[in-house]
Amino acid sequence: MKNQNTKKLACAALFLALCLVLPMLTGQIPQIGSMLLPMHIPVLLCGLVCGWQYGAAVSYTHLRAHETELHLV
């Protein structure tokens, strides 16, 4: 049981890293970056693979990571 939770946590961390890196990579290519916004795909995959609890945690962390002071005012 404990080993399964560790695998899910590591998988969720991988999906969170993809959430942060994928928009940066696709934004560098103007043709793709202007029509594709893939930052939510890893969140959905995390929810499907790891369960809704991990998907919700990754989603919340992902949203907080993209906040700036302009969004907080």
PDB file of N, CA and C in Angstrom:
ATOM      1  N   MET A   1       0.821  -1.196   0.000  1.00  0.00           N
ATOM      2  CA  MET A   1       0.000   0.000   0.000  1.00  0.00           C
ATOM      3  C   MET A   1       0.867   1.263   0.000  1.00  0.00           C
ATOM      4  N   LYS A   2       1.906   1.269   0.838  1.00  0.00           N
ATOM      5  CA  LYS A   2       2.758   2.449   0.917  1.00  0.00           C
ATOM      6  C   LYS A   2       3.539   2.656  -0.383  1.00  0.00           C
ATOM      7  N   ASN A   3       3.954   1.556  -1.006  1.00  0.00           N
ATOM      8  CA  ASN A   3       4.688   1.646  -2.266  1.00  0.00           C
ATOM      9  C   ASN A   3       3.794   2.210  -3.366  1.00  0.00           C
ATOM     10  N   GLN A   4       2.522   1.866  -3.359  1.00  0.00           N
ATOM     11  CA  GLN A   4       1.583   2.369  -4.367  1.00  0.00           C
ATOM     12  C   GLN A   4       1.391   3.883  -4.218  1.00  0.00           C
ATOM     13  N   ASN A   5       1.310   4.364  -2.980  1.00  0.00           N
ATOM     14  CA  ASN A   5       1.174   5.806  -2.746  1.00  0.00           C
ATOM     15  C   ASN A   5       2.416   6.555  -3.204  1.00  0.00           C
ATOM     16  N   THR A   6       3.583   5.966  -3.004  1.00  0.00           N
ATOM     17  CA  THR A   6       4.821   6.598  -3.448  1.00  0.00           C
ATOM     18  C   THR A   6       4.860   6.693  -4.969  1.00  0.00           C
ATOM     19  N   LYS A   7       4.415   5.652  -5.644  1.00  0.00           N
ATOM     20  CA  LYS A   7       4.374   5.678  -7.115  1.00  0.00           C
ATOM     21  C   LYS A   7       3.403   6.741  -7.620  1.00  0.00           C
ATOM     22  N   LYS A   8       2.250   6.841  -6.976  1.00  0.00           N
ATOM     23  CA  LYS A   8       1.272   7.853  -7.390  1.00  0.00           C
ATOM     24  C   LYS A   8       1.799   9.259  -7.153  1.00  0.00           C
ATOM     25  N   LEU A   9       2.490   9.463  -6.037  1.00  0.00           N
ATOM     26  CA  LEU A   9       3.048  10.777  -5.736  1.00  0.00           C
ATOM     27  C   LEU A   9       4.136  11.161  -6.733  1.00  0.00           C
ATOM     28  N   ALA A  10       4.985  10.206  -7.084  1.00  0.00           N
ATOM     29  CA  ALA A  10       6.029  10.474  -8.082  1.00  0.00           C
ATOM     30  C   ALA A  10       5.418  10.752  -9.452  1.00  0.00           C
ATOM     31  N   CYS A  11       4.386  10.015  -9.793  1.00  0.00           N
ATOM     32  CA  CYS A  11       3.692  10.231 -11.066  1.00  0.00           C
ATOM     33  C   CYS A  11       3.027  11.610 -11.089  1.00  0.00           C
ATOM     34  N   ALA A  12       2.419  12.003  -9.979  1.00  0.00           N
ATOM     35  CA  ALA A  12       1.792  13.322  -9.896  1.00  0.00           C
ATOM     36  C   ALA A  12       2.834  14.431 -10.015  1.00  0.00           C
ATOM     37  N   ALA A  13       4.007  14.226  -9.428  1.00  0.00           N
ATOM     38  CA  ALA A  13       5.083  15.219  -9.546  1.00  0.00           C
ATOM     39  C   ALA A  13       5.554  15.339 -10.993  1.00  0.00           C
ATOM     40  N   LEU A  14       5.600  14.227 -11.691  1.00  0.00           N
ATOM     41  CA  LEU A  14       5.976  14.250 -13.104  1.00  0.00           C
ATOM     42  C   LEU A  14       4.940  15.015 -13.927  1.00  0.00           C
ATOM     43  N   PHE A  15       3.671  14.775 -13.654  1.00  0.00           N
ATOM     44  CA  PHE A  15       2.626  15.500 -14.378  1.00  0.00           C
ATOM     45  C   PHE A  15       2.661  16.992 -14.054  1.00  0.00           C
ATOM     46  N   LEU A  16       2.970  17.352 -12.812  1.00  0.00           N
ATOM     47  CA  LEU A  16       3.074  18.763 -12.454  1.00  0.00           C
ATOM     48  C   LEU A  16       4.231  19.425 -13.192  1.00  0.00           C
ATOM     49  N   ALA A  17       5.348  18.716 -13.298  1.00  0.00           N
ATOM     50  CA  ALA A  17       6.481  19.257 -14.055  1.00  0.00           C
ATOM     51  C   ALA A  17       6.105  19.454 -15.519  1.00  0.00           C
ATOM     52  N   LEU A  18       5.352  18.524 -16.075  1.00  0.00           N
ATOM     53  CA  LEU A  18       4.885  18.682 -17.459  1.00  0.00           C
ATOM     54  C   LEU A  18       3.957  19.878 -17.598  1.00  0.00           C
ATOM     55  N   CYS A  19       3.129  20.117 -16.585  1.00  0.00           N
ATOM     56  CA  CYS A  19       2.219  21.279 -16.620  1.00  0.00           C
ATOM     57  C   CYS A  19       2.984  22.589 -16.712  1.00  0.00           C
ATOM     58  N   LEU A  20       4.124  22.632 -16.070  1.00  0.00           N
ATOM     59  CA  LEU A  20       4.897  23.870 -16.050  1.00  0.00           C
ATOM     60  C   LEU A  20       5.807  24.021 -17.262  1.00  0.00           C
ATOM     61  N   VAL A  21       6.313  22.913 -17.791  1.00  0.00           N
ATOM     62  CA  VAL A  21       7.284  22.967 -18.884  1.00  0.00           C
ATOM     63  C   VAL A  21       6.613  22.977 -20.259  1.00  0.00           C
ATOM     64  N   LEU A  22       5.539  22.255 -20.414  1.00  0.00           N
ATOM     65  CA  LEU A  22       4.901  22.119 -21.723  1.00  0.00           C
ATOM     66  C   LEU A  22       4.464  23.458 -22.339  1.00  0.00           C
ATOM     67  N   PRO A  23       3.845  24.375 -21.598  1.00  0.00           N
ATOM     68  CA  PRO A  23       3.499  25.670 -22.200  1.00  0.00           C
ATOM     69  C   PRO A  23       4.725  26.479 -22.637  1.00  0.00           C
ATOM     70  N   MET A  24       5.817  26.339 -21.882  1.00  0.00           N
ATOM     71  CA  MET A  24       7.037  27.059 -22.277  1.00  0.00           C
ATOM     72  C   MET A  24       7.597  26.523 -23.590  1.00  0.00           C
ATOM     73  N   LEU A  25       7.549  25.221 -23.752  1.00  0.00           N
ATOM     74  CA  LEU A  25       8.079  24.620 -24.982  1.00  0.00           C
ATOM     75  C   LEU A  25       7.216  24.943 -26.191  1.00  0.00           C
ATOM     76  N   THR A  26       5.904  24.836 -26.049  1.00  0.00           N
ATOM     77  CA  THR A  26       5.042  25.121 -27.197  1.00  0.00           C
ATOM     78  C   THR A  26       4.959  26.616 -27.489  1.00  0.00           C
ATOM     79  N   GLY A  27       5.184  27.458 -26.481  1.00  0.00           N
ATOM     80  CA  GLY A  27       5.163  28.898 -26.702  1.00  0.00           C
ATOM     81  C   GLY A  27       6.345  29.393 -27.502  1.00  0.00           C
ATOM     82  N   GLN A  28       7.416  28.618 -27.562  1.00  0.00           N
ATOM     83  CA  GLN A  28       8.605  29.009 -28.314  1.00  0.00           C
ATOM     84  C   GLN A  28       8.407  28.883 -29.819  1.00  0.00           C
ATOM     85  N   ILE A  29       7.436  28.084 -30.234  1.00  0.00           N
ATOM     86  CA  ILE A  29       7.146  27.897 -31.661  1.00  0.00           C
ATOM     87  C   ILE A  29       5.886  28.702 -31.968  1.00  0.00           C
ATOM     88  N   PRO A  30       6.004  29.810 -32.690  1.00  0.00           N
ATOM     89  CA  PRO A  30       4.851  30.700 -32.888  1.00  0.00           C
ATOM     90  C   PRO A  30       3.650  30.036 -33.562  1.00  0.00           C
ATOM     91  N   GLN A  31       3.888  29.147 -34.519  1.00  0.00           N
ATOM     92  CA  GLN A  31       2.772  28.507 -35.220  1.00  0.00           C
ATOM     93  C   GLN A  31       1.970  27.605 -34.278  1.00  0.00           C
ATOM     94  N   ILE A  32       2.656  26.911 -33.399  1.00  0.00           N
ATOM     95  CA  ILE A  32       1.976  26.006 -32.473  1.00  0.00           C
ATOM     96  C   ILE A  32       1.482  26.749 -31.239  1.00  0.00           C
ATOM     97  N   GLY A  33       2.293  27.661 -30.727  1.00  0.00           N
ATOM     98  CA  GLY A  33       1.950  28.368 -29.503  1.00  0.00           C
ATOM     99  C   GLY A  33       0.712  29.225 -29.592  1.00  0.00           C
ATOM    100  N   SER A  34       0.408  29.725 -30.778  1.00  0.00           N
ATOM    101  CA  SER A  34      -0.766  30.587 -30.921  1.00  0.00           C
ATOM    102  C   SER A  34      -2.075  29.810 -31.004  1.00  0.00           C
ATOM    103  N   MET A  35      -2.018  28.510 -31.304  1.00  0.00           N
ATOM    104  CA  MET A  35      -3.269  27.761 -31.424  1.00  0.00           C
ATOM    105  C   MET A  35      -3.396  26.589 -30.468  1.00  0.00           C
ATOM    106  N   LEU A  36      -2.337  26.252 -29.732  1.00  0.00           N
ATOM    107  CA  LEU A  36      -2.380  25.106 -28.839  1.00  0.00           C
ATOM    108  C   LEU A  36      -1.962  25.542 -27.439  1.00  0.00           C
ATOM    109  N   LEU A  37      -2.775  25.215 -26.451  1.00  0.00           N
ATOM    110  CA  LEU A  37      -2.467  25.528 -25.059  1.00  0.00           C
ATOM    111  C   LEU A  37      -2.536  24.224 -24.265  1.00  0.00           C
ATOM    112  N   PRO A  38      -1.419  23.479 -24.207  1.00  0.00           N
ATOM    113  CA  PRO A  38      -1.456  22.124 -23.673  1.00  0.00           C
ATOM    114  C   PRO A  38      -1.253  22.004 -22.158  1.00  0.00           C
ATOM    115  N   MET A  39      -1.378  23.089 -21.413  1.00  0.00           N
ATOM    116  CA  MET A  39      -1.048  23.010 -19.991  1.00  0.00           C
ATOM    117  C   MET A  39      -2.061  22.214 -19.182  1.00  0.00           C
ATOM    118  N   HIS A  40      -3.254  22.023 -19.680  1.00  0.00           N
ATOM    119  CA  HIS A  40      -4.278  21.307 -18.918  1.00  0.00           C
ATOM    120  C   HIS A  40      -4.291  19.812 -19.215  1.00  0.00           C
ATOM    121  N   ILE A  41      -3.620  19.388 -20.260  1.00  0.00           N
ATOM    122  CA  ILE A  41      -3.589  17.968 -20.613  1.00  0.00           C
ATOM    123  C   ILE A  41      -2.929  17.136 -19.519  1.00  0.00           C
ATOM    124  N   PRO A  42      -1.760  17.530 -18.972  1.00  0.00           N
ATOM    125  CA  PRO A  42      -1.175  16.726 -17.888  1.00  0.00           C
ATOM    126  C   PRO A  42      -2.038  16.672 -16.629  1.00  0.00           C
ATOM    127  N   VAL A  43      -2.795  17.732 -16.347  1.00  0.00           N
ATOM    128  CA  VAL A  43      -3.679  17.721 -15.180  1.00  0.00           C
ATOM    129  C   VAL A  43      -4.770  16.674 -15.364  1.00  0.00           C
ATOM    130  N   LEU A  44      -5.361  16.630 -16.541  1.00  0.00           N
ATOM    131  CA  LEU A  44      -6.397  15.635 -16.815  1.00  0.00           C
ATOM    132  C   LEU A  44      -5.831  14.218 -16.783  1.00  0.00           C
ATOM    133  N   LEU A  45      -4.653  14.044 -17.349  1.00  0.00           N
ATOM    134  CA  LEU A  45      -4.026  12.724 -17.324  1.00  0.00           C
ATOM    135  C   LEU A  45      -3.679  12.293 -15.900  1.00  0.00           C
ATOM    136  N   CYS A  46      -3.254  13.215 -15.080  1.00  0.00           N
ATOM    137  CA  CYS A  46      -2.939  12.889 -13.687  1.00  0.00           C
ATOM    138  C   CYS A  46      -4.195  12.436 -12.951  1.00  0.00           C
ATOM    139  N   GLY A  47      -5.294  13.102 -13.189  1.00  0.00           N
ATOM    140  CA  GLY A  47      -6.544  12.689 -12.569  1.00  0.00           C
ATOM    141  C   GLY A  47      -6.978  11.308 -13.013  1.00  0.00           C
ATOM    142  N   LEU A  48      -6.745  10.988 -14.273  1.00  0.00           N
ATOM    143  CA  LEU A  48      -7.126   9.670 -14.779  1.00  0.00           C
ATOM    144  C   LEU A  48      -6.186   8.562 -14.309  1.00  0.00           C
ATOM    145  N   VAL A  49      -4.884   8.855 -14.268  1.00  0.00           N
ATOM    146  CA  VAL A  49      -3.894   7.828 -13.926  1.00  0.00           C
ATOM    147  C   VAL A  49      -3.762   7.646 -12.415  1.00  0.00           C
ATOM    148  N   CYS A  50      -3.667   8.751 -11.685  1.00  0.00           N
ATOM    149  CA  CYS A  50      -3.374   8.676 -10.243  1.00  0.00           C
ATOM    150  C   CYS A  50      -4.616   8.740  -9.360  1.00  0.00           C
ATOM    151  N   GLY A  51      -5.702   9.236  -9.876  1.00  0.00           N
ATOM    152  CA  GLY A  51      -6.911   9.393  -9.072  1.00  0.00           C
ATOM    153  C   GLY A  51      -7.273  10.859  -8.924  1.00  0.00           C
ATOM    154  N   TRP A  52      -8.519  11.092  -8.545  1.00  0.00           N
ATOM    155  CA  TRP A  52      -9.002  12.471  -8.513  1.00  0.00           C
ATOM    156  C   TRP A  52      -8.321  13.303  -7.424  1.00  0.00           C
ATOM    157  N   GLN A  53      -7.894  12.685  -6.325  1.00  0.00           N
ATOM    158  CA  GLN A  53      -7.246  13.448  -5.263  1.00  0.00           C
ATOM    159  C   GLN A  53      -5.924  14.038  -5.745  1.00  0.00           C
ATOM    160  N   TYR A  54      -5.139  13.217  -6.429  1.00  0.00           N
ATOM    161  CA  TYR A  54      -3.855  13.699  -6.950  1.00  0.00           C
ATOM    162  C   TYR A  54      -4.088  14.699  -8.091  1.00  0.00           C
ATOM    163  N   GLY A  55      -5.080  14.448  -8.919  1.00  0.00           N
ATOM    164  CA  GLY A  55      -5.409  15.377  -9.995  1.00  0.00           C
ATOM    165  C   GLY A  55      -5.824  16.735  -9.468  1.00  0.00           C
ATOM    166  N   ALA A  56      -6.598  16.741  -8.381  1.00  0.00           N
ATOM    167  CA  ALA A  56      -7.016  18.010  -7.779  1.00  0.00           C
ATOM    168  C   ALA A  56      -5.825  18.749  -7.176  1.00  0.00           C
ATOM    169  N   ALA A  57      -4.919  18.009  -6.540  1.00  0.00           N
ATOM    170  CA  ALA A  57      -3.734  18.647  -5.951  1.00  0.00           C
ATOM    171  C   ALA A  57      -2.827  19.231  -7.029  1.00  0.00           C
ATOM    172  N   VAL A  58      -2.642  18.506  -8.119  1.00  0.00           N
ATOM    173  CA  VAL A  58      -1.817  19.004  -9.224  1.00  0.00           C
ATOM    174  C   VAL A  58      -2.480  20.209  -9.876  1.00  0.00           C
ATOM    175  N   SER A  59      -3.787  20.172 -10.025  1.00  0.00           N
ATOM    176  CA  SER A  59      -4.508  21.289 -10.624  1.00  0.00           C
ATOM    177  C   SER A  59      -4.379  22.546  -9.772  1.00  0.00           C
ATOM    178  N   TYR A  60      -4.553  22.400  -8.463  1.00  0.00           N
ATOM    179  CA  TYR A  60      -4.441  23.557  -7.573  1.00  0.00           C
ATOM    180  C   TYR A  60      -3.021  24.124  -7.589  1.00  0.00           C
ATOM    181  N   THR A  61      -2.038  23.241  -7.519  1.00  0.00           N
ATOM    182  CA  THR A  61      -0.648  23.687  -7.542  1.00  0.00           C
ATOM    183  C   THR A  61      -0.316  24.353  -8.870  1.00  0.00           C
ATOM    184  N   HIS A  62      -0.852  23.805  -9.952  1.00  0.00           N
ATOM    185  CA  HIS A  62      -0.631  24.374 -11.278  1.00  0.00           C
ATOM    186  C   HIS A  62      -1.233  25.774 -11.374  1.00  0.00           C
ATOM    187  N   LEU A  63      -2.425  25.950 -10.844  1.00  0.00           N
ATOM    188  CA  LEU A  63      -3.053  27.270 -10.891  1.00  0.00           C
ATOM    189  C   LEU A  63      -2.291  28.282 -10.043  1.00  0.00           C
ATOM    190  N   ARG A  64      -1.827  27.863  -8.870  1.00  0.00           N
ATOM    191  CA  ARG A  64      -1.073  28.766  -8.007  1.00  0.00           C
ATOM    192  C   ARG A  64       0.282  29.127  -8.612  1.00  0.00           C
ATOM    193  N   ALA A  65       0.871  28.229  -9.382  1.00  0.00           N
ATOM    194  CA  ALA A  65       2.182  28.482  -9.980  1.00  0.00           C
ATOM    195  C   ALA A  65       2.109  29.554 -11.057  1.00  0.00           C
ATOM    196  N   HIS A  66       0.959  29.718 -11.697  1.00  0.00           N
ATOM    197  CA  HIS A  66       0.832  30.684 -12.788  1.00  0.00           C
ATOM    198  C   HIS A  66       0.261  32.023 -12.331  1.00  0.00           C
ATOM    199  N   GLU A  67       0.052  32.192 -11.029  1.00  0.00           N
ATOM    200  CA  GLU A  67      -0.443  33.477 -10.546  1.00  0.00           C
ATOM    201  C   GLU A  67       0.682  34.499 -10.500  1.00  0.00           C
ATOM    202  N   THR A  68       0.315  35.720 -10.782  1.00  0.00           N
ATOM    203  CA  THR A  68       1.247  36.841 -10.639  1.00  0.00           C
ATOM    204  C   THR A  68       0.595  37.851  -9.709  1.00  0.00           C
ATOM    205  N   GLU A  69       1.303  38.926  -9.432  1.00  0.00           N
ATOM    206  CA  GLU A  69       0.724  39.958  -8.566  1.00  0.00           C
ATOM    207  C   GLU A  69      -0.482  40.611  -9.224  1.00  0.00           C
ATOM    208  N   LEU A  70      -0.540  40.635 -10.543  1.00  0.00           N
ATOM    209  CA  LEU A  70      -1.689  41.208 -11.233  1.00  0.00           C
ATOM    210  C   LEU A  70      -2.951  40.389 -10.979  1.00  0.00           C
ATOM    211  N   HIS A  71      -2.792  39.059 -10.872  1.00  0.00           N
ATOM    212  CA  HIS A  71      -3.942  38.201 -10.625  1.00  0.00           C
ATOM    213  C   HIS A  71      -4.422  38.278  -9.175  1.00  0.00           C
ATOM    214  N   LEU A  72      -3.542  38.642  -8.269  1.00  0.00           N
ATOM    215  CA  LEU A  72      -3.873  38.652  -6.850  1.00  0.00           C
ATOM    216  C   LEU A  72      -4.555  39.926  -6.401  1.00  0.00           C
ATOM    217  N   VAL A  73      -4.499  40.973  -7.205  1.00  0.00           N
ATOM    218  CA  VAL A  73      -5.085  42.261  -6.810  1.00  0.00           C
ATOM    219  C   VAL A  73      -6.560  42.274  -7.064  1.00  0.00           C
TER     220      VAL A  73
END
